[in-house]
N, C-alpha and C. Protein backbone atom coordinates (compact mmCIF):
# COMPACT_ATOMS: atom_id res chain seq x y z
N MET A 1 -16.71 12.95 -5.25
CA MET A 1 -17.86 12.13 -5.54
C MET A 1 -17.77 10.87 -4.67
N GLU A 2 -18.83 10.58 -3.96
CA GLU A 2 -18.87 9.40 -3.10
C GLU A 2 -19.60 8.27 -3.81
N ILE A 3 -18.94 7.14 -3.92
CA ILE A 3 -19.52 5.96 -4.54
C ILE A 3 -19.51 4.85 -3.51
N GLU A 4 -20.66 4.22 -3.32
CA GLU A 4 -20.76 3.14 -2.34
C GLU A 4 -20.58 1.79 -3.00
N GLY A 5 -19.99 0.89 -2.25
CA GLY A 5 -19.84 -0.49 -2.67
C GLY A 5 -20.01 -1.37 -1.44
N TYR A 6 -20.11 -2.67 -1.64
CA TYR A 6 -20.30 -3.59 -0.54
C TYR A 6 -18.97 -4.21 -0.15
N CYS A 7 -18.59 -4.07 1.11
CA CYS A 7 -17.36 -4.67 1.63
C CYS A 7 -17.72 -6.04 2.17
N VAL A 8 -17.11 -7.09 1.60
CA VAL A 8 -17.42 -8.45 2.03
C VAL A 8 -16.81 -8.77 3.39
N LYS A 9 -15.77 -8.07 3.78
CA LYS A 9 -15.16 -8.32 5.09
C LYS A 9 -15.98 -7.67 6.21
N CYS A 10 -16.40 -6.42 6.00
CA CYS A 10 -17.22 -5.71 6.99
C CYS A 10 -18.69 -6.13 6.92
N LYS A 11 -19.08 -6.71 5.78
CA LYS A 11 -20.47 -7.09 5.51
C LYS A 11 -21.41 -5.89 5.63
N ALA A 12 -20.99 -4.79 4.98
CA ALA A 12 -21.78 -3.56 5.00
C ALA A 12 -21.42 -2.72 3.78
N LYS A 13 -22.33 -1.79 3.43
CA LYS A 13 -22.04 -0.84 2.37
C LYS A 13 -21.10 0.22 2.92
N ARG A 14 -20.07 0.53 2.14
CA ARG A 14 -19.09 1.54 2.52
C ARG A 14 -18.82 2.46 1.33
N VAL A 15 -18.39 3.68 1.63
CA VAL A 15 -17.98 4.60 0.58
C VAL A 15 -16.61 4.14 0.10
N ILE A 16 -16.45 4.00 -1.20
CA ILE A 16 -15.19 3.51 -1.77
C ILE A 16 -14.13 4.60 -1.66
N GLU A 17 -12.98 4.23 -1.07
CA GLU A 17 -11.86 5.15 -0.93
C GLU A 17 -11.03 5.12 -2.21
N LYS A 18 -10.72 6.27 -2.74
CA LYS A 18 -9.96 6.41 -4.00
C LYS A 18 -10.59 5.59 -5.12
N PRO A 19 -11.83 5.88 -5.50
CA PRO A 19 -12.48 5.10 -6.56
C PRO A 19 -11.81 5.29 -7.92
N THR A 20 -11.68 4.18 -8.63
CA THR A 20 -11.07 4.19 -9.96
C THR A 20 -12.04 3.52 -10.93
N ALA A 21 -12.37 4.19 -12.02
CA ALA A 21 -13.27 3.63 -13.02
C ALA A 21 -12.49 2.78 -14.00
N GLY A 22 -13.14 1.73 -14.48
CA GLY A 22 -12.51 0.87 -15.46
C GLY A 22 -13.53 -0.08 -16.07
N PHE A 23 -13.02 -1.08 -16.77
CA PHE A 23 -13.87 -2.07 -17.40
C PHE A 23 -13.29 -3.45 -17.14
N ASN A 24 -14.17 -4.44 -16.94
CA ASN A 24 -13.69 -5.80 -16.71
C ASN A 24 -13.46 -6.51 -18.05
N LYS A 25 -13.11 -7.79 -18.00
CA LYS A 25 -12.79 -8.54 -19.22
C LYS A 25 -13.95 -8.61 -20.20
N ARG A 26 -15.17 -8.61 -19.69
CA ARG A 26 -16.34 -8.67 -20.55
C ARG A 26 -16.76 -7.32 -21.10
N GLY A 27 -16.13 -6.25 -20.64
CA GLY A 27 -16.46 -4.91 -21.12
C GLY A 27 -17.47 -4.19 -20.27
N SER A 28 -17.86 -4.75 -19.12
CA SER A 28 -18.81 -4.09 -18.22
C SER A 28 -18.08 -3.02 -17.41
N ALA A 29 -18.78 -1.94 -17.13
CA ALA A 29 -18.21 -0.85 -16.35
C ALA A 29 -18.07 -1.29 -14.89
N VAL A 30 -16.93 -0.98 -14.27
CA VAL A 30 -16.68 -1.31 -12.87
C VAL A 30 -15.99 -0.14 -12.18
N VAL A 31 -16.11 -0.10 -10.87
CA VAL A 31 -15.39 0.86 -10.04
C VAL A 31 -14.72 0.04 -8.95
N PHE A 32 -13.45 0.32 -8.69
CA PHE A 32 -12.77 -0.39 -7.63
C PHE A 32 -11.97 0.58 -6.78
N GLY A 33 -11.72 0.16 -5.55
CA GLY A 33 -10.98 0.98 -4.59
C GLY A 33 -10.82 0.20 -3.30
N LYS A 34 -10.70 0.92 -2.19
CA LYS A 34 -10.50 0.27 -0.90
C LYS A 34 -11.58 0.67 0.09
N CYS A 35 -11.83 -0.22 1.05
CA CYS A 35 -12.75 0.06 2.15
C CYS A 35 -12.03 0.99 3.12
N PRO A 36 -12.66 2.10 3.51
CA PRO A 36 -12.00 3.03 4.43
C PRO A 36 -11.86 2.46 5.85
N THR A 37 -12.63 1.45 6.19
CA THR A 37 -12.61 0.89 7.54
C THR A 37 -11.55 -0.20 7.69
N CYS A 38 -11.56 -1.19 6.78
CA CYS A 38 -10.66 -2.34 6.95
C CYS A 38 -9.57 -2.43 5.88
N GLY A 39 -9.67 -1.68 4.79
CA GLY A 39 -8.64 -1.68 3.77
C GLY A 39 -8.80 -2.75 2.70
N THR A 40 -9.87 -3.55 2.77
CA THR A 40 -10.13 -4.59 1.77
C THR A 40 -10.51 -3.95 0.44
N LYS A 41 -10.17 -4.62 -0.66
CA LYS A 41 -10.56 -4.13 -1.98
C LYS A 41 -12.07 -4.22 -2.13
N ILE A 42 -12.67 -3.16 -2.69
CA ILE A 42 -14.10 -3.14 -3.01
C ILE A 42 -14.22 -3.03 -4.52
N TYR A 43 -15.10 -3.82 -5.08
CA TYR A 43 -15.30 -3.90 -6.53
C TYR A 43 -16.78 -3.76 -6.80
N ARG A 44 -17.16 -2.70 -7.50
CA ARG A 44 -18.58 -2.46 -7.78
C ARG A 44 -18.80 -2.49 -9.29
N ILE A 45 -19.82 -3.21 -9.70
CA ILE A 45 -20.16 -3.30 -11.12
C ILE A 45 -21.25 -2.28 -11.42
N GLY A 46 -21.09 -1.56 -12.52
CA GLY A 46 -22.09 -0.59 -12.95
C GLY A 46 -21.47 0.73 -13.36
N ARG A 47 -22.11 1.37 -14.30
CA ARG A 47 -21.63 2.65 -14.82
C ARG A 47 -21.93 3.76 -13.82
N THR A 48 -20.96 4.67 -13.65
CA THR A 48 -21.12 5.82 -12.75
C THR A 48 -20.68 7.07 -13.49
N LYS A 49 -20.73 8.20 -12.81
CA LYS A 49 -20.28 9.46 -13.42
C LYS A 49 -18.78 9.45 -13.70
N LEU A 50 -18.04 8.60 -13.02
CA LEU A 50 -16.60 8.49 -13.29
C LEU A 50 -16.33 7.95 -14.70
N HIS A 51 -17.29 7.24 -15.27
CA HIS A 51 -17.14 6.65 -16.59
C HIS A 51 -17.51 7.63 -17.72
N ASP A 52 -17.96 8.82 -17.40
CA ASP A 52 -18.31 9.80 -18.43
C ASP A 52 -17.11 10.05 -19.33
N GLY A 53 -17.29 9.92 -20.62
CA GLY A 53 -16.23 10.14 -21.59
C GLY A 53 -15.39 8.91 -21.87
N MET A 54 -15.61 7.84 -21.14
CA MET A 54 -14.85 6.60 -21.35
C MET A 54 -15.67 5.66 -22.23
N GLU A 55 -15.01 4.92 -23.09
CA GLU A 55 -15.69 3.95 -23.92
C GLU A 55 -15.19 2.56 -23.53
N ALA A 56 -16.11 1.62 -23.53
CA ALA A 56 -15.76 0.23 -23.22
C ALA A 56 -14.84 -0.32 -24.30
N PRO A 57 -13.90 -1.17 -23.91
CA PRO A 57 -13.04 -1.77 -24.93
C PRO A 57 -13.83 -2.68 -25.86
N LYS A 58 -13.41 -2.73 -27.09
CA LYS A 58 -14.12 -3.59 -28.05
C LYS A 58 -13.71 -5.02 -27.84
N LYS A 59 -14.68 -5.92 -27.98
CA LYS A 59 -14.43 -7.34 -27.74
C LYS A 59 -13.66 -7.97 -28.87
């Protein structure tokens, strides 16, 4: 599954390498991984198919 995120170093949308689904401190769904071009961390906010079956932590 290809998930795109914005790389702030390349200043372009890139496909996230090794995407990992999770939740931030506020309980919002996030996906994080690395930029395939420069190796910078990419962090995307929003629910994806990787989050299927996962529940947000309770506040």
